[in-house]
N, C-alpha and C. Protein backbone atom coordinates (compact mmCIF):
# COMPACT_ATOMS: atom_id res chain seq x y z
N MET A 1 -4.35 21.09 7.50
CA MET A 1 -3.92 20.00 6.77
C MET A 1 -5.44 18.94 6.03
N THR A 2 -5.67 18.98 5.12
CA THR A 2 -6.88 18.20 4.77
C THR A 2 -6.34 17.26 4.26
N LEU A 3 -7.76 15.79 4.62
CA LEU A 3 -7.26 14.39 4.05
C LEU A 3 -7.66 14.17 3.09
N LEU A 4 -7.03 13.69 2.19
CA LEU A 4 -7.57 13.67 0.67
C LEU A 4 -8.45 12.39 0.68
N GLN A 5 -9.30 12.44 -0.12
CA GLN A 5 -10.20 11.37 -0.27
C GLN A 5 -10.03 10.64 -1.54
N ARG A 6 -10.93 9.37 -1.36
CA ARG A 6 -10.39 8.42 -2.62
C ARG A 6 -11.26 8.30 -3.49
N GLU A 7 -12.25 9.19 -3.08
CA GLU A 7 -13.52 9.16 -4.21
C GLU A 7 -13.20 9.99 -5.64
N ILE A 8 -13.66 9.46 -6.78
CA ILE A 8 -13.45 10.08 -8.04
C ILE A 8 -14.53 10.86 -8.30
N ASP A 9 -14.03 12.28 -8.51
CA ASP A 9 -15.19 13.02 -8.86
C ASP A 9 -15.58 13.14 -10.48
N GLU A 10 -16.81 13.43 -10.66
CA GLU A 10 -17.39 13.39 -12.05
C GLU A 10 -16.62 14.06 -13.07
N ALA A 11 -15.93 15.07 -12.76
CA ALA A 11 -15.14 15.71 -13.68
C ALA A 11 -13.69 15.01 -14.13
N SER A 12 -13.37 13.63 -13.24
CA SER A 12 -12.11 13.26 -13.69
C SER A 12 -12.35 11.87 -13.59
N GLY A 13 -10.92 11.11 -13.65
CA GLY A 13 -11.16 9.90 -13.50
C GLY A 13 -11.63 8.90 -14.63
N ASP A 14 -11.69 7.64 -14.73
CA ASP A 14 -12.43 7.05 -15.94
C ASP A 14 -12.30 5.58 -15.53
N LYS A 15 -13.02 4.95 -16.38
CA LYS A 15 -13.42 3.44 -16.08
C LYS A 15 -12.06 2.48 -15.99
N LYS A 16 -11.14 2.67 -16.41
CA LYS A 16 -9.98 2.12 -16.21
C LYS A 16 -9.35 2.13 -14.96
N PHE A 17 -9.62 3.32 -14.20
CA PHE A 17 -8.45 3.52 -12.92
C PHE A 17 -10.10 2.82 -11.80
N GLU A 18 -11.36 3.13 -12.11
CA GLU A 18 -12.14 2.23 -11.07
C GLU A 18 -11.75 0.70 -11.34
N ARG A 19 -11.53 0.11 -12.40
CA ARG A 19 -11.71 -1.19 -13.02
C ARG A 19 -10.10 -1.65 -11.63
N ILE A 20 -9.19 -0.86 -11.64
CA ILE A 20 -7.92 -1.10 -11.21
C ILE A 20 -7.80 -1.00 -9.72
N VAL A 21 -8.27 -0.06 -9.01
CA VAL A 21 -8.13 0.49 -7.85
C VAL A 21 -9.63 -0.05 -7.28
N ASP A 22 -9.55 -0.46 -5.90
CA ASP A 22 -11.04 -0.42 -5.38
C ASP A 22 -10.92 0.61 -4.21
N LEU A 23 -11.75 1.57 -4.26
CA LEU A 23 -12.01 2.86 -3.84
C LEU A 23 -12.34 2.59 -2.44
N ALA A 24 -12.95 1.36 -1.91
CA ALA A 24 -13.41 1.11 -0.81
C ALA A 24 -12.21 0.89 0.31
N THR A 25 -11.16 0.25 0.01
CA THR A 25 -9.89 -0.23 0.57
C THR A 25 -8.80 0.98 0.38
N GLY A 26 -8.70 1.54 -0.84
CA GLY A 26 -7.69 1.98 -1.47
C GLY A 26 -6.51 1.65 -1.84
N LEU A 27 -6.64 0.61 -2.23
CA LEU A 27 -5.68 -0.29 -2.83
C LEU A 27 -6.24 -0.90 -4.32
N THR A 28 -4.82 -1.07 -5.20
CA THR A 28 -5.29 -2.02 -6.32
C THR A 28 -5.55 -3.23 -6.01
N ARG A 29 -6.71 -3.57 -7.15
CA ARG A 29 -7.32 -4.89 -7.05
C ARG A 29 -6.27 -6.16 -7.21
N ARG A 30 -5.10 -5.87 -7.93
CA ARG A 30 -4.13 -6.99 -8.61
C ARG A 30 -3.08 -7.48 -7.32
N LEU A 31 -2.50 -6.41 -7.18
CA LEU A 31 -1.42 -6.59 -6.25
C LEU A 31 -1.43 -5.90 -4.47
N ARG A 32 -2.85 -5.20 -4.68
CA ARG A 32 -3.06 -4.98 -3.06
C ARG A 32 -2.08 -4.01 -2.78
N LEU A 33 -1.32 -2.94 -3.74
CA LEU A 33 -0.98 -1.56 -3.27
C LEU A 33 -1.65 -0.50 -2.92
N LYS A 34 -1.08 0.23 -1.69
CA LYS A 34 -1.46 1.47 -1.54
C LYS A 34 -2.04 2.54 -2.89
N ILE A 35 -2.68 3.25 -2.95
CA ILE A 35 -3.03 3.88 -3.58
C ILE A 35 -2.44 5.84 -3.13
N ILE A 36 -2.43 5.73 -2.11
CA ILE A 36 -2.10 7.44 -1.42
C ILE A 36 -0.64 7.05 -1.30
N PRO A 37 0.07 7.90 -1.74
CA PRO A 37 1.35 7.93 -1.67
C PRO A 37 2.27 7.88 -0.09
N THR A 38 1.46 8.75 0.79
CA THR A 38 1.89 8.67 2.15
C THR A 38 1.68 7.75 2.77
N LEU A 39 0.75 6.80 2.33
CA LEU A 39 0.35 5.47 3.49
C LEU A 39 1.17 4.15 2.63
N ILE A 40 1.87 4.33 1.84
CA ILE A 40 3.18 3.22 1.33
C ILE A 40 4.06 3.23 2.29
N ASP A 41 4.40 1.95 2.48
CA ASP A 41 4.97 1.42 3.19
C ASP A 41 5.85 0.06 3.27
N ARG A 42 6.54 -0.73 3.96
CA ARG A 42 7.42 -1.44 3.57
C ARG A 42 6.79 -2.87 3.21
N TYR A 43 5.50 -2.87 3.46
CA TYR A 43 4.68 -4.05 2.71
C TYR A 43 4.50 -4.02 1.24
N ASP A 44 4.25 -2.36 0.86
CA ASP A 44 4.15 -2.20 -0.45
C ASP A 44 5.55 -2.45 -1.17
N VAL A 45 6.40 -1.93 -0.74
CA VAL A 45 7.78 -2.16 -1.19
C VAL A 45 8.05 -3.41 -1.05
N ALA A 46 8.02 -4.62 -0.48
CA ALA A 46 8.26 -6.33 -0.62
C ALA A 46 7.30 -6.61 -1.53
N ILE A 47 6.03 -5.86 -1.88
CA ILE A 47 5.35 -6.50 -3.20
C ILE A 47 6.08 -6.30 -4.44
N VAL A 48 6.53 -4.90 -4.14
CA VAL A 48 7.21 -4.31 -5.73
C VAL A 48 8.20 -5.07 -5.94
N LEU A 49 9.20 -5.23 -5.12
CA LEU A 49 10.46 -6.24 -5.20
C LEU A 49 10.20 -7.52 -5.49
N ARG A 50 9.16 -8.18 -4.76
CA ARG A 50 8.89 -9.68 -4.98
C ARG A 50 8.38 -9.49 -7.06
N VAL A 51 7.44 -8.77 -7.37
CA VAL A 51 7.12 -8.98 -8.50
C VAL A 51 7.98 -8.73 -9.60
N SER A 52 8.68 -7.49 -8.86
CA SER A 52 10.21 -7.03 -9.93
C SER A 52 11.41 -8.15 -10.06
N PHE A 53 11.75 -9.06 -9.04
CA PHE A 53 12.91 -9.39 -9.01
C PHE A 53 12.62 -11.23 -8.72
N LEU A 54 11.99 -11.05 -8.05
CA LEU A 54 11.82 -12.65 -7.53
C LEU A 54 10.61 -13.55 -8.48
N ASP A 55 9.73 -13.02 -8.90
CA ASP A 55 8.67 -13.62 -10.01
C ASP A 55 9.27 -13.28 -11.00
N ASP A 56 10.33 -12.83 -11.70
CA ASP A 56 10.71 -12.52 -12.85
C ASP A 56 10.62 -13.46 -14.22
N ARG A 57 10.90 -15.02 -13.44
CA ARG A 57 10.49 -16.03 -14.47
C ARG A 57 8.86 -16.30 -14.85
N GLU A 58 8.15 -16.26 -13.63
CA GLU A 58 6.74 -16.48 -14.17
C GLU A 58 6.21 -15.34 -14.75
N ASN A 59 6.43 -13.94 -14.46
CA ASN A 59 5.72 -13.17 -14.77
C ASN A 59 6.32 -11.72 -15.62
N GLY A 60 7.67 -12.66 -16.32
CA GLY A 60 7.90 -11.28 -17.15
C GLY A 60 8.69 -10.14 -15.99
N GLY A 61 9.13 -10.45 -14.80
CA GLY A 61 9.46 -8.99 -13.98
C GLY A 61 11.08 -8.94 -14.47
N LEU A 62 11.60 -7.72 -13.80
CA LEU A 62 13.32 -7.37 -14.10
C LEU A 62 14.09 -8.59 -13.67
N ALA A 63 14.97 -8.39 -14.24
CA ALA A 63 16.26 -9.25 -13.64
C ALA A 63 16.95 -8.71 -12.98
N SER A 64 17.60 -9.11 -11.92
CA SER A 64 18.30 -8.30 -10.90
C SER A 64 19.96 -8.18 -11.64
N GLY A 65 20.37 -8.61 -12.76
CA GLY A 65 21.51 -8.37 -13.18
C GLY A 65 22.45 -8.11 -12.45
N ASN A 66 23.30 -6.64 -12.95
CA ASN A 66 24.23 -6.11 -11.70
C ASN A 66 23.75 -5.33 -10.67
N LEU A 67 22.71 -4.97 -10.29
CA LEU A 67 21.71 -4.38 -9.66
C LEU A 67 22.35 -4.63 -7.99
N ASN A 68 23.55 -4.41 -7.62
CA ASN A 68 24.11 -4.56 -6.23
C ASN A 68 24.25 -3.05 -5.45
N GLY A 69 24.14 -3.55 -4.63
CA GLY A 69 24.46 -2.37 -3.25
C GLY A 69 24.16 -2.76 -1.85
N PRO A 70 24.70 -1.91 -1.25
CA PRO A 70 24.87 -1.96 0.33
C PRO A 70 23.73 -2.40 0.71
N PHE A 71 23.42 -3.53 1.56
CA PHE A 71 22.26 -3.58 2.66
C PHE A 71 22.64 -4.21 3.89
N GLY A 72 22.68 -3.41 4.81
CA GLY A 72 23.47 -3.74 6.13
C GLY A 72 24.77 -3.54 6.14
N LYS A 73 25.78 -4.58 6.64
CA LYS A 73 27.17 -4.45 6.11
C LYS A 73 27.50 -5.38 5.13
N GLU A 74 26.49 -5.76 4.25
CA GLU A 74 26.97 -6.60 3.23
C GLU A 74 26.51 -6.16 1.61
N ILE A 75 26.99 -6.48 0.92
CA ILE A 75 26.58 -5.94 -0.45
C ILE A 75 25.76 -7.22 -1.14
N LEU A 76 24.29 -6.77 -1.18
CA LEU A 76 23.76 -8.12 -1.99
C LEU A 76 22.93 -7.34 -3.27
N ASP A 77 22.57 -8.48 -4.51
CA ASP A 77 22.08 -7.74 -5.47
C ASP A 77 20.24 -7.76 -4.87
N MET A 78 19.56 -7.18 -5.92
CA MET A 78 18.14 -7.08 -5.73
C MET A 78 17.11 -8.31 -5.46
N ARG A 79 17.74 -8.94 -6.02
CA ARG A 79 16.86 -10.45 -5.58
C ARG A 79 16.94 -10.78 -3.98
N GLN A 80 18.57 -11.00 -3.56
CA GLN A 80 18.83 -10.90 -2.44
C GLN A 80 17.96 -10.06 -1.42
N VAL A 81 18.02 -8.63 -1.99
CA VAL A 81 17.32 -7.75 -0.88
C VAL A 81 15.98 -8.13 -0.73
N ALA A 82 15.25 -8.34 -1.80
CA ALA A 82 13.87 -8.62 -1.98
C ALA A 82 13.62 -10.26 -0.96
N GLN A 83 14.34 -10.87 -1.09
CA GLN A 83 13.91 -12.06 -0.19
C GLN A 83 14.33 -11.78 1.28
N ARG A 84 15.32 -10.92 1.74
CA ARG A 84 15.69 -10.69 2.95
C ARG A 84 14.40 -10.07 3.53
N LEU A 85 13.99 -8.85 2.61
CA LEU A 85 12.47 -8.14 3.23
C LEU A 85 11.72 -8.77 3.43
N GLU A 86 11.28 -9.83 2.47
CA GLU A 86 9.91 -10.54 2.73
C GLU A 86 10.09 -11.76 3.91
N GLU A 87 11.55 -12.02 4.04
CA GLU A 87 11.87 -13.07 5.24
C GLU A 87 11.50 -12.16 6.59
N ALA A 88 11.96 -10.99 6.79
CA ALA A 88 11.66 -10.08 7.48
C ALA A 88 10.24 -9.72 8.07
N LEU A 89 9.50 -9.84 6.82
CA LEU A 89 7.85 -9.41 7.13
C LEU A 89 7.37 -10.30 7.49
N ALA A 90 7.66 -11.67 7.18
CA ALA A 90 6.98 -13.02 7.25
C ALA A 90 7.12 -13.22 8.69
N LYS A 91 7.97 -12.57 9.40
CA LYS A 91 8.04 -13.30 10.82
C LYS A 91 7.71 -12.07 11.85
N ARG A 92 7.05 -11.26 11.34
CA ARG A 92 6.04 -10.32 11.97
C ARG A 92 4.51 -10.85 11.91
């Protein structure tokens, strides 16, 4: 198994990618999301949920609408799931 590199070879990539991604850290510059899919974890999920459902008024994110589903023994909407995940991660 070979480890993927964060380097852009000269034959691919463009300046837009370099503006968005910090190759030294492997994170996007604005949201600090990991760019290597196998490294994505609950912290990245919390960022995406926050931006999508909690920050919707400020940043034009998604409205939670009728997006309900099971979370543990409860039925929650996506806004509540995002809040619970952020609370759990803040305790760590």
